[in-house]
Amino acid sequence: MNYLIVGLGNIGDEYARTRHNVGFRVVDALAEEGKVAFEDRRYGFVATLKVKNQTLILLKPSTYMNLSGNAVRYWMKEKNIPLERLLVVVDDLALPFGKLRLKPGGSEAGHNGLKHITSVLGTQQYARLRFGIGSDFQRGGQIDYVLGEFGEEELRQMDERVKLAGEAVKTFCLAGLSVAMNQYNNK
């Protein structure tokens, strides 16, 4: 079966190491581990990864964050992916750095990428893997914070946390959302 795994982020070197691009980091790590390369395709960079008997279509939208839904809709249609086999990997200010939370749907919590996906798909009922980026910023400093780079301590833990997120993605595809939630939420 095909699964669409969407890592949210912004394209361009100026965004590559920002907190907002942690979704890109997770799908990049999956591709690297599986020794598959991304290709520049319509609406994004796409790689196909086989994990046991499942096919993971890894997508990094090239539409910028605020228009991510266009890429998601296109690739769901292109690869005939039903809503229940979509997983969006996204940064989350409400979680401490590196904490993971899988959810079957819910609010966008002010995240513009999720807002656009919800708007385009017409539903909030799609799975997301939230990756905590913390919220260590002054009032009014949210944009600078999410578009800022991780600190030294966070970077020391990054590979381990991103690898864990990748394991959560694979478990979602192999065993389902409930099993993945039980194994990885709040880890």
N, C-alpha and C. Protein backbone atom coordinates (compact mmCIF):
# COMPACT_ATOMS: atom_id res chain seq x y z
N MET A 1 0.84 -1.19 0.00
CA MET A 1 0.00 0.00 0.00
C MET A 1 0.88 1.24 0.00
N ASN A 2 0.35 2.29 -0.61
CA ASN A 2 1.05 3.58 -0.64
C ASN A 2 0.61 4.46 0.52
N TYR A 3 1.58 5.13 1.13
CA TYR A 3 1.35 6.12 2.16
C TYR A 3 2.00 7.41 1.71
N LEU A 4 1.37 8.54 2.01
CA LEU A 4 1.97 9.84 1.72
C LEU A 4 2.44 10.44 3.04
N ILE A 5 3.75 10.61 3.14
CA ILE A 5 4.37 11.18 4.34
C ILE A 5 4.88 12.56 3.96
N VAL A 6 4.24 13.58 4.50
CA VAL A 6 4.54 14.97 4.15
C VAL A 6 5.32 15.63 5.28
N GLY A 7 6.52 16.04 4.99
CA GLY A 7 7.30 16.82 5.95
C GLY A 7 7.10 18.29 5.62
N LEU A 8 6.60 19.06 6.58
CA LEU A 8 6.37 20.48 6.31
C LEU A 8 7.63 21.30 6.56
N GLY A 9 7.80 22.31 5.71
CA GLY A 9 8.94 23.21 5.83
C GLY A 9 8.90 24.23 4.70
N ASN A 10 9.90 25.06 4.65
CA ASN A 10 10.05 26.04 3.58
C ASN A 10 11.31 25.71 2.79
N ILE A 11 11.22 25.85 1.47
CA ILE A 11 12.39 25.59 0.64
C ILE A 11 13.35 26.77 0.70
N GLY A 12 14.59 26.49 0.40
CA GLY A 12 15.61 27.54 0.38
C GLY A 12 16.61 27.40 1.50
N ASP A 13 17.86 27.74 1.18
CA ASP A 13 18.94 27.61 2.16
C ASP A 13 18.70 28.43 3.43
N GLU A 14 18.04 29.60 3.28
CA GLU A 14 17.84 30.45 4.45
C GLU A 14 16.91 29.82 5.48
N TYR A 15 16.11 28.82 5.06
CA TYR A 15 15.18 28.15 5.98
C TYR A 15 15.65 26.77 6.42
N ALA A 16 16.68 26.24 5.77
CA ALA A 16 17.06 24.82 5.92
C ALA A 16 17.23 24.38 7.37
N ARG A 17 17.82 25.20 8.21
CA ARG A 17 18.11 24.78 9.59
C ARG A 17 17.15 25.39 10.62
N THR A 18 16.05 25.94 10.16
CA THR A 18 15.11 26.58 11.09
C THR A 18 14.23 25.56 11.80
N ARG A 19 13.66 26.00 12.91
CA ARG A 19 12.74 25.15 13.67
C ARG A 19 11.53 24.77 12.82
N HIS A 20 11.08 25.70 11.98
CA HIS A 20 9.89 25.48 11.16
C HIS A 20 10.10 24.36 10.15
N ASN A 21 11.35 23.99 9.89
CA ASN A 21 11.66 22.98 8.87
C ASN A 21 11.93 21.60 9.45
N VAL A 22 11.51 21.35 10.68
CA VAL A 22 11.81 20.06 11.28
C VAL A 22 11.08 18.93 10.54
N GLY A 23 9.95 19.22 9.91
CA GLY A 23 9.27 18.20 9.10
C GLY A 23 10.14 17.74 7.94
N PHE A 24 10.82 18.69 7.29
CA PHE A 24 11.78 18.34 6.23
C PHE A 24 12.89 17.45 6.78
N ARG A 25 13.39 17.79 7.98
CA ARG A 25 14.48 17.01 8.58
C ARG A 25 14.09 15.55 8.75
N VAL A 26 12.85 15.33 9.20
CA VAL A 26 12.39 13.96 9.46
C VAL A 26 12.31 13.16 8.16
N VAL A 27 11.70 13.72 7.11
CA VAL A 27 11.61 12.95 5.86
C VAL A 27 12.98 12.83 5.18
N ASP A 28 13.84 13.84 5.35
CA ASP A 28 15.22 13.73 4.84
C ASP A 28 15.93 12.55 5.49
N ALA A 29 15.76 12.41 6.81
CA ALA A 29 16.42 11.32 7.53
C ALA A 29 15.89 9.96 7.08
N LEU A 30 14.59 9.86 6.85
CA LEU A 30 14.01 8.61 6.35
C LEU A 30 14.59 8.26 4.98
N ALA A 31 14.68 9.25 4.11
CA ALA A 31 15.23 9.02 2.77
C ALA A 31 16.69 8.59 2.85
N GLU A 32 17.45 9.26 3.71
CA GLU A 32 18.86 8.94 3.86
C GLU A 32 19.05 7.52 4.39
N GLU A 33 18.27 7.18 5.41
CA GLU A 33 18.34 5.83 5.99
C GLU A 33 17.99 4.77 4.94
N GLY A 34 17.00 5.06 4.10
CA GLY A 34 16.56 4.11 3.08
C GLY A 34 17.37 4.20 1.79
N LYS A 35 18.34 5.11 1.78
CA LYS A 35 19.21 5.30 0.60
C LYS A 35 18.42 5.61 -0.66
N VAL A 36 17.42 6.48 -0.51
CA VAL A 36 16.66 6.97 -1.66
C VAL A 36 16.85 8.47 -1.76
N ALA A 37 16.76 8.99 -2.98
CA ALA A 37 17.01 10.41 -3.22
C ALA A 37 15.70 11.11 -3.59
N PHE A 38 15.61 12.37 -3.20
CA PHE A 38 14.47 13.19 -3.58
C PHE A 38 14.65 13.67 -5.02
N GLU A 39 13.55 13.73 -5.75
CA GLU A 39 13.54 14.31 -7.10
C GLU A 39 12.66 15.54 -7.07
N ASP A 40 13.05 16.54 -7.82
CA ASP A 40 12.27 17.77 -7.94
C ASP A 40 11.10 17.48 -8.88
N ARG A 41 9.89 17.42 -8.31
CA ARG A 41 8.70 17.07 -9.08
C ARG A 41 7.67 18.18 -8.92
N ARG A 42 6.50 17.97 -9.46
CA ARG A 42 5.45 18.98 -9.37
C ARG A 42 5.08 19.22 -7.90
N TYR A 43 5.06 20.45 -7.50
CA TYR A 43 4.67 20.89 -6.15
C TYR A 43 5.60 20.42 -5.05
N GLY A 44 6.73 19.78 -5.37
CA GLY A 44 7.59 19.38 -4.27
C GLY A 44 8.70 18.43 -4.66
N PHE A 45 9.44 18.05 -3.65
CA PHE A 45 10.52 17.09 -3.79
C PHE A 45 10.00 15.76 -3.26
N VAL A 46 10.13 14.71 -4.07
CA VAL A 46 9.50 13.43 -3.78
C VAL A 46 10.53 12.31 -3.81
N ALA A 47 10.42 11.41 -2.85
CA ALA A 47 11.23 10.19 -2.82
C ALA A 47 10.31 9.03 -2.48
N THR A 48 10.61 7.86 -3.01
CA THR A 48 9.80 6.67 -2.73
C THR A 48 10.64 5.69 -1.93
N LEU A 49 10.12 5.32 -0.77
CA LEU A 49 10.83 4.47 0.16
C LEU A 49 10.00 3.21 0.43
N LYS A 50 10.62 2.06 0.29
CA LYS A 50 9.96 0.79 0.63
C LYS A 50 10.31 0.43 2.06
N VAL A 51 9.30 0.15 2.86
CA VAL A 51 9.50 -0.31 4.23
C VAL A 51 8.66 -1.57 4.38
N LYS A 52 9.35 -2.70 4.41
CA LYS A 52 8.70 -4.02 4.41
C LYS A 52 7.74 -4.06 3.23
N ASN A 53 6.45 -4.26 3.48
CA ASN A 53 5.49 -4.38 2.37
C ASN A 53 4.76 -3.08 2.05
N GLN A 54 5.24 -1.97 2.58
CA GLN A 54 4.58 -0.68 2.35
C GLN A 54 5.46 0.24 1.51
N THR A 55 4.81 1.13 0.78
CA THR A 55 5.52 2.14 -0.01
C THR A 55 5.22 3.50 0.58
N LEU A 56 6.28 4.19 0.99
CA LEU A 56 6.13 5.53 1.57
C LEU A 56 6.54 6.54 0.51
N ILE A 57 5.60 7.39 0.13
CA ILE A 57 5.89 8.50 -0.77
C ILE A 57 6.26 9.67 0.15
N LEU A 58 7.53 10.02 0.18
CA LEU A 58 8.00 11.12 1.03
C LEU A 58 7.90 12.41 0.23
N LEU A 59 7.29 13.42 0.82
CA LEU A 59 7.06 14.68 0.11
C LEU A 59 7.53 15.86 0.95
N LYS A 60 8.33 16.72 0.31
CA LYS A 60 8.69 18.02 0.88
C LYS A 60 8.10 19.06 -0.08
N PRO A 61 6.95 19.66 0.31
CA PRO A 61 6.32 20.62 -0.61
C PRO A 61 7.26 21.77 -0.96
N SER A 62 7.22 22.18 -2.23
CA SER A 62 8.03 23.33 -2.68
C SER A 62 7.16 24.57 -2.80
N THR A 63 6.00 24.54 -2.20
CA THR A 63 5.01 25.61 -2.31
C THR A 63 5.17 26.66 -1.22
N TYR A 64 6.13 26.50 -0.34
CA TYR A 64 6.25 27.26 0.91
C TYR A 64 5.12 26.83 1.84
N MET A 65 5.37 27.03 3.11
CA MET A 65 4.49 26.52 4.16
C MET A 65 3.02 26.88 3.96
N ASN A 66 2.75 28.16 3.66
CA ASN A 66 1.37 28.64 3.64
C ASN A 66 0.52 28.06 2.51
N LEU A 67 1.14 27.35 1.56
CA LEU A 67 0.40 26.75 0.45
C LEU A 67 0.63 25.24 0.39
N SER A 68 1.00 24.63 1.49
CA SER A 68 1.32 23.20 1.54
C SER A 68 0.18 22.31 1.07
N GLY A 69 -1.04 22.75 1.28
CA GLY A 69 -2.20 21.94 0.89
C GLY A 69 -2.24 21.63 -0.60
N ASN A 70 -1.74 22.54 -1.43
CA ASN A 70 -1.74 22.30 -2.88
C ASN A 70 -0.90 21.06 -3.21
N ALA A 71 0.26 20.94 -2.60
CA ALA A 71 1.15 19.80 -2.83
C ALA A 71 0.51 18.52 -2.29
N VAL A 72 -0.08 18.59 -1.10
CA VAL A 72 -0.70 17.42 -0.49
C VAL A 72 -1.85 16.91 -1.36
N ARG A 73 -2.72 17.81 -1.78
CA ARG A 73 -3.85 17.41 -2.63
C ARG A 73 -3.37 16.78 -3.93
N TYR A 74 -2.38 17.41 -4.58
CA TYR A 74 -1.88 16.90 -5.86
C TYR A 74 -1.32 15.48 -5.71
N TRP A 75 -0.47 15.26 -4.71
CA TRP A 75 0.18 13.95 -4.57
C TRP A 75 -0.76 12.89 -4.03
N MET A 76 -1.76 13.28 -3.25
CA MET A 76 -2.78 12.30 -2.84
C MET A 76 -3.52 11.80 -4.08
N LYS A 77 -3.87 12.71 -4.96
CA LYS A 77 -4.60 12.35 -6.18
C LYS A 77 -3.68 11.57 -7.13
N GLU A 78 -2.46 12.06 -7.32
CA GLU A 78 -1.50 11.44 -8.24
C GLU A 78 -1.19 9.99 -7.86
N LYS A 79 -1.07 9.72 -6.57
CA LYS A 79 -0.70 8.38 -6.08
C LYS A 79 -1.89 7.61 -5.50
N ASN A 80 -3.09 8.18 -5.64
CA ASN A 80 -4.32 7.53 -5.17
C ASN A 80 -4.23 7.15 -3.69
N ILE A 81 -3.90 8.14 -2.87
CA ILE A 81 -3.72 7.94 -1.43
C ILE A 81 -4.98 8.38 -0.70
N PRO A 82 -5.64 7.48 0.03
CA PRO A 82 -6.79 7.89 0.82
C PRO A 82 -6.35 8.68 2.07
N LEU A 83 -7.26 9.43 2.61
CA LEU A 83 -6.98 10.30 3.77
C LEU A 83 -6.34 9.53 4.92
N GLU A 84 -6.77 8.29 5.15
CA GLU A 84 -6.26 7.54 6.29
C GLU A 84 -4.80 7.08 6.11
N ARG A 85 -4.25 7.25 4.91
CA ARG A 85 -2.85 6.90 4.69
C ARG A 85 -1.99 8.13 4.42
N LEU A 86 -2.46 9.27 4.92
CA LEU A 86 -1.71 10.52 4.88
C LEU A 86 -1.19 10.80 6.28
N LEU A 87 0.10 11.18 6.37
CA LEU A 87 0.69 11.60 7.65
C LEU A 87 1.50 12.85 7.39
N VAL A 88 1.19 13.91 8.14
CA VAL A 88 1.89 15.18 8.01
C VAL A 88 2.81 15.35 9.22
N VAL A 89 4.10 15.58 8.95
CA VAL A 89 5.09 15.78 10.01
C VAL A 89 5.31 17.28 10.15
N VAL A 90 5.10 17.80 11.35
CA VAL A 90 5.02 19.24 11.54
C VAL A 90 5.68 19.67 12.86
N ASP A 91 6.24 20.87 12.86
CA ASP A 91 6.80 21.44 14.09
C ASP A 91 5.66 21.89 15.01
N ASP A 92 5.89 21.83 16.33
CA ASP A 92 4.86 22.21 17.28
C ASP A 92 5.45 23.00 18.44
N LEU A 93 5.00 24.25 18.58
CA LEU A 93 5.44 25.14 19.67
C LEU A 93 4.94 24.69 21.03
N ALA A 94 3.83 23.96 21.06
CA ALA A 94 3.21 23.59 22.34
C ALA A 94 3.91 22.42 23.02
N LEU A 95 4.84 21.78 22.32
CA LEU A 95 5.56 20.64 22.90
C LEU A 95 7.01 21.02 23.17
N PRO A 96 7.58 20.51 24.25
CA PRO A 96 9.00 20.75 24.51
C PRO A 96 9.84 20.16 23.38
N PHE A 97 11.05 20.67 23.21
CA PHE A 97 11.90 20.21 22.11
C PHE A 97 12.01 18.69 22.08
N GLY A 98 11.78 18.13 20.89
CA GLY A 98 11.98 16.71 20.65
C GLY A 98 10.85 15.80 21.06
N LYS A 99 9.86 16.30 21.82
CA LYS A 99 8.71 15.47 22.19
C LYS A 99 7.89 15.19 20.94
N LEU A 100 7.36 13.98 20.86
CA LEU A 100 6.55 13.58 19.72
C LEU A 100 5.10 13.39 20.14
N ARG A 101 4.19 13.74 19.25
CA ARG A 101 2.79 13.47 19.49
C ARG A 101 2.09 13.18 18.18
N LEU A 102 1.64 11.94 18.04
CA LEU A 102 0.83 11.54 16.89
C LEU A 102 -0.62 11.80 17.22
N LYS A 103 -1.37 12.33 16.25
CA LYS A 103 -2.79 12.60 16.45
C LYS A 103 -3.56 12.23 15.18
N PRO A 104 -4.79 11.78 15.33
CA PRO A 104 -5.59 11.42 14.16
C PRO A 104 -6.20 12.63 13.45
N GLY A 105 -6.07 13.80 14.04
CA GLY A 105 -6.67 15.01 13.47
C GLY A 105 -6.64 16.09 14.53
N GLY A 106 -7.54 17.04 14.41
CA GLY A 106 -7.63 18.09 15.41
C GLY A 106 -7.32 19.45 14.84
N SER A 107 -7.12 20.40 15.74
CA SER A 107 -6.93 21.79 15.32
C SER A 107 -5.55 22.00 14.71
N GLU A 108 -5.41 23.11 14.05
CA GLU A 108 -4.14 23.46 13.41
C GLU A 108 -3.22 24.19 14.38
N ALA A 109 -3.73 24.58 15.54
CA ALA A 109 -2.95 25.26 16.59
C ALA A 109 -2.17 26.45 16.03
N GLY A 110 -2.77 27.19 15.10
CA GLY A 110 -2.13 28.38 14.55
C GLY A 110 -1.07 28.10 13.50
N HIS A 111 -0.87 26.84 13.13
CA HIS A 111 0.17 26.49 12.16
C HIS A 111 -0.34 26.71 10.74
N ASN A 112 0.30 27.62 10.00
CA ASN A 112 -0.19 27.99 8.67
C ASN A 112 -0.14 26.85 7.66
N GLY A 113 0.84 25.96 7.78
CA GLY A 113 0.89 24.81 6.88
C GLY A 113 -0.31 23.90 7.09
N LEU A 114 -0.60 23.59 8.35
CA LEU A 114 -1.76 22.75 8.66
C LEU A 114 -3.06 23.44 8.28
N LYS A 115 -3.13 24.76 8.50
CA LYS A 115 -4.35 25.50 8.14
C LYS A 115 -4.65 25.35 6.65
N HIS A 116 -3.62 25.47 5.82
CA HIS A 116 -3.84 25.38 4.38
C HIS A 116 -4.20 23.95 3.96
N ILE A 117 -3.56 22.96 4.55
CA ILE A 117 -3.89 21.56 4.24
C ILE A 117 -5.35 21.29 4.61
N THR A 118 -5.76 21.72 5.80
CA THR A 118 -7.14 21.53 6.24
C THR A 118 -8.11 22.22 5.29
N SER A 119 -7.78 23.44 4.90
CA SER A 119 -8.63 24.19 3.99
C SER A 119 -8.78 23.48 2.65
N VAL A 120 -7.69 23.02 2.09
CA VAL A 120 -7.71 22.37 0.78
C VAL A 120 -8.39 21.00 0.84
N LEU A 121 -8.12 20.23 1.90
CA LEU A 121 -8.72 18.90 2.01
C LEU A 121 -10.16 18.95 2.50
N GLY A 122 -10.53 20.07 3.14
CA GLY A 122 -11.91 20.22 3.64
C GLY A 122 -12.18 19.42 4.91
N THR A 123 -11.12 19.02 5.61
CA THR A 123 -11.28 18.27 6.85
C THR A 123 -10.04 18.43 7.72
N GLN A 124 -10.26 18.29 9.04
CA GLN A 124 -9.14 18.26 9.99
C GLN A 124 -8.75 16.83 10.31
N GLN A 125 -9.46 15.87 9.74
CA GLN A 125 -9.26 14.46 10.09
C GLN A 125 -8.20 13.79 9.23
N TYR A 126 -6.97 14.20 9.43
CA TYR A 126 -5.83 13.53 8.82
C TYR A 126 -4.74 13.46 9.89
N ALA A 127 -3.96 12.39 9.84
CA ALA A 127 -2.96 12.14 10.89
C ALA A 127 -1.82 13.13 10.80
N ARG A 128 -1.33 13.52 11.97
CA ARG A 128 -0.14 14.37 12.01
C ARG A 128 0.80 13.86 13.09
N LEU A 129 2.06 14.02 12.81
CA LEU A 129 3.10 13.75 13.79
C LEU A 129 3.69 15.10 14.15
N ARG A 130 3.40 15.52 15.37
CA ARG A 130 3.89 16.81 15.85
C ARG A 130 5.25 16.59 16.53
N PHE A 131 6.22 17.41 16.14
CA PHE A 131 7.58 17.33 16.68
C PHE A 131 7.80 18.62 17.47
N GLY A 132 8.00 18.49 18.77
CA GLY A 132 8.13 19.66 19.63
C GLY A 132 9.36 20.49 19.33
N ILE A 133 9.16 21.80 19.23
CA ILE A 133 10.28 22.73 19.04
C ILE A 133 10.41 23.68 20.22
N GLY A 134 9.55 23.48 21.26
CA GLY A 134 9.60 24.36 22.42
C GLY A 134 9.00 25.72 22.13
N SER A 135 9.01 26.57 23.14
CA SER A 135 8.40 27.90 22.98
C SER A 135 9.15 28.94 23.80
N ASP A 136 10.46 28.93 23.67
CA ASP A 136 11.31 29.83 24.46
C ASP A 136 11.48 31.18 23.75
N PHE A 137 10.38 31.94 23.71
CA PHE A 137 10.44 33.25 23.07
C PHE A 137 9.56 34.24 23.82
N GLN A 138 9.90 35.51 23.67
CA GLN A 138 9.12 36.58 24.30
C GLN A 138 7.81 36.78 23.55
N ARG A 139 6.85 37.36 24.24
CA ARG A 139 5.57 37.68 23.62
C ARG A 139 5.82 38.47 22.33
N GLY A 140 5.16 38.03 21.24
CA GLY A 140 5.34 38.71 19.95
C GLY A 140 6.53 38.20 19.16
N GLY A 141 7.30 37.27 19.73
CA GLY A 141 8.50 36.78 19.06
C GLY A 141 8.36 35.44 18.38
N GLN A 142 7.12 34.99 18.19
CA GLN A 142 6.88 33.65 17.66
C GLN A 142 7.45 33.46 16.26
N ILE A 143 7.26 34.40 15.37
CA ILE A 143 7.73 34.25 13.99
C ILE A 143 9.25 34.15 13.95
N ASP A 144 9.93 35.04 14.68
CA ASP A 144 11.39 34.98 14.73
C ASP A 144 11.86 33.66 15.33
N TYR A 145 11.13 33.16 16.30
CA TYR A 145 11.51 31.90 16.96
C TYR A 145 11.41 30.72 15.98
N VAL A 146 10.24 30.56 15.32
CA VAL A 146 10.07 29.40 14.44
C VAL A 146 10.98 29.50 13.22
N LEU A 147 11.31 30.72 12.80
CA LEU A 147 12.21 30.88 11.66
C LEU A 147 13.68 31.01 12.09
N GLY A 148 13.91 30.82 13.40
CA GLY A 148 15.27 30.82 13.92
C GLY A 148 15.83 29.40 13.92
N GLU A 149 17.12 29.30 14.18
CA GLU A 149 17.79 28.00 14.19
C GLU A 149 17.79 27.41 15.60
N PHE A 150 17.92 26.10 15.66
CA PHE A 150 17.98 25.39 16.94
C PHE A 150 19.25 25.77 17.69
N GLY A 151 19.18 25.68 19.02
CA GLY A 151 20.34 25.96 19.85
C GLY A 151 21.27 24.75 19.91
N GLU A 152 22.44 24.96 20.52
CA GLU A 152 23.47 23.91 20.59
C GLU A 152 22.96 22.65 21.29
N GLU A 153 22.30 22.82 22.42
CA GLU A 153 21.81 21.66 23.17
C GLU A 153 20.78 20.88 22.35
N GLU A 154 19.90 21.60 21.68
CA GLU A 154 18.90 20.93 20.82
C GLU A 154 19.59 20.18 19.69
N LEU A 155 20.59 20.81 19.08
CA LEU A 155 21.30 20.16 17.97
C LEU A 155 22.01 18.89 18.43
N ARG A 156 22.48 18.85 19.68
CA ARG A 156 23.13 17.64 20.20
C ARG A 156 22.15 16.48 20.26
N GLN A 157 20.89 16.78 20.50
CA GLN A 157 19.86 15.74 20.63
C GLN A 157 19.12 15.48 19.31
N MET A 158 19.35 16.32 18.31
CA MET A 158 18.54 16.31 17.09
C MET A 158 18.52 14.95 16.38
N ASP A 159 19.67 14.38 16.11
CA ASP A 159 19.70 13.13 15.35
C ASP A 159 18.88 12.04 16.02
N GLU A 160 19.03 11.92 17.33
CA GLU A 160 18.28 10.90 18.08
C GLU A 160 16.78 11.16 18.00
N ARG A 161 16.36 12.41 18.17
CA ARG A 161 14.93 12.74 18.15
C ARG A 161 14.33 12.57 16.75
N VAL A 162 15.09 12.96 15.73
CA VAL A 162 14.62 12.81 14.35
C VAL A 162 14.51 11.33 13.99
N LYS A 163 15.48 10.54 14.44
CA LYS A 163 15.43 9.09 14.19
C LYS A 163 14.19 8.48 14.84
N LEU A 164 13.89 8.89 16.08
CA LEU A 164 12.69 8.40 16.78
C LEU A 164 11.43 8.79 16.00
N ALA A 165 11.39 10.01 15.49
CA ALA A 165 10.24 10.45 14.69
C ALA A 165 10.11 9.57 13.44
N GLY A 166 11.23 9.23 12.82
CA GLY A 166 11.21 8.35 11.65
C GLY A 166 10.67 6.97 12.00
N GLU A 167 11.03 6.47 13.18
CA GLU A 167 10.50 5.18 13.63
C GLU A 167 8.99 5.27 13.83
N ALA A 168 8.51 6.40 14.35
CA ALA A 168 7.07 6.61 14.53
C ALA A 168 6.36 6.60 13.18
N VAL A 169 6.96 7.24 12.17
CA VAL A 169 6.38 7.26 10.83
C VAL A 169 6.28 5.83 10.29
N LYS A 170 7.35 5.06 10.41
CA LYS A 170 7.34 3.68 9.90
C LYS A 170 6.30 2.84 10.63
N THR A 171 6.18 3.01 11.96
CA THR A 171 5.18 2.27 12.73
C THR A 171 3.77 2.63 12.28
N PHE A 172 3.53 3.91 12.01
CA PHE A 172 2.23 4.36 11.49
C PHE A 172 1.89 3.57 10.22
N CYS A 173 2.85 3.41 9.33
CA CYS A 173 2.61 2.74 8.04
C CYS A 173 2.51 1.23 8.18
N LEU A 174 3.23 0.64 9.11
CA LEU A 174 3.26 -0.81 9.25
C LEU A 174 2.21 -1.36 10.21
N ALA A 175 1.90 -0.60 11.26
CA ALA A 175 1.02 -1.13 12.31
C ALA A 175 -0.23 -0.29 12.55
N GLY A 176 -0.28 0.91 11.97
CA GLY A 176 -1.45 1.76 12.14
C GLY A 176 -1.24 2.87 13.16
N LEU A 177 -2.15 3.83 13.11
CA LEU A 177 -2.05 5.02 13.95
C LEU A 177 -2.14 4.71 15.44
N SER A 178 -3.07 3.85 15.84
CA SER A 178 -3.25 3.57 17.27
C SER A 178 -2.00 2.98 17.89
N VAL A 179 -1.40 2.01 17.22
CA VAL A 179 -0.18 1.38 17.73
C VAL A 179 0.94 2.42 17.80
N ALA A 180 1.08 3.23 16.75
CA ALA A 180 2.12 4.25 16.72
C ALA A 180 1.91 5.27 17.84
N MET A 181 0.66 5.67 18.08
CA MET A 181 0.37 6.62 19.15
C MET A 181 0.78 6.03 20.50
N ASN A 182 0.42 4.77 20.74
CA ASN A 182 0.75 4.12 22.02
C ASN A 182 2.25 4.01 22.22
N GLN A 183 2.98 3.76 21.15
CA GLN A 183 4.43 3.56 21.28
C GLN A 183 5.22 4.87 21.38
N TYR A 184 4.76 5.93 20.70
CA TYR A 184 5.62 7.11 20.54
C TYR A 184 5.12 8.40 21.18
N ASN A 185 3.83 8.49 21.51
CA ASN A 185 3.36 9.74 22.08
C ASN A 185 4.06 10.04 23.40
N ASN A 186 4.53 11.27 23.50
CA ASN A 186 5.22 11.78 24.68
C ASN A 186 6.58 11.15 24.93
N LYS A 187 7.15 10.51 23.93
CA LYS A 187 8.51 9.99 24.06
C LYS A 187 9.48 11.10 23.80
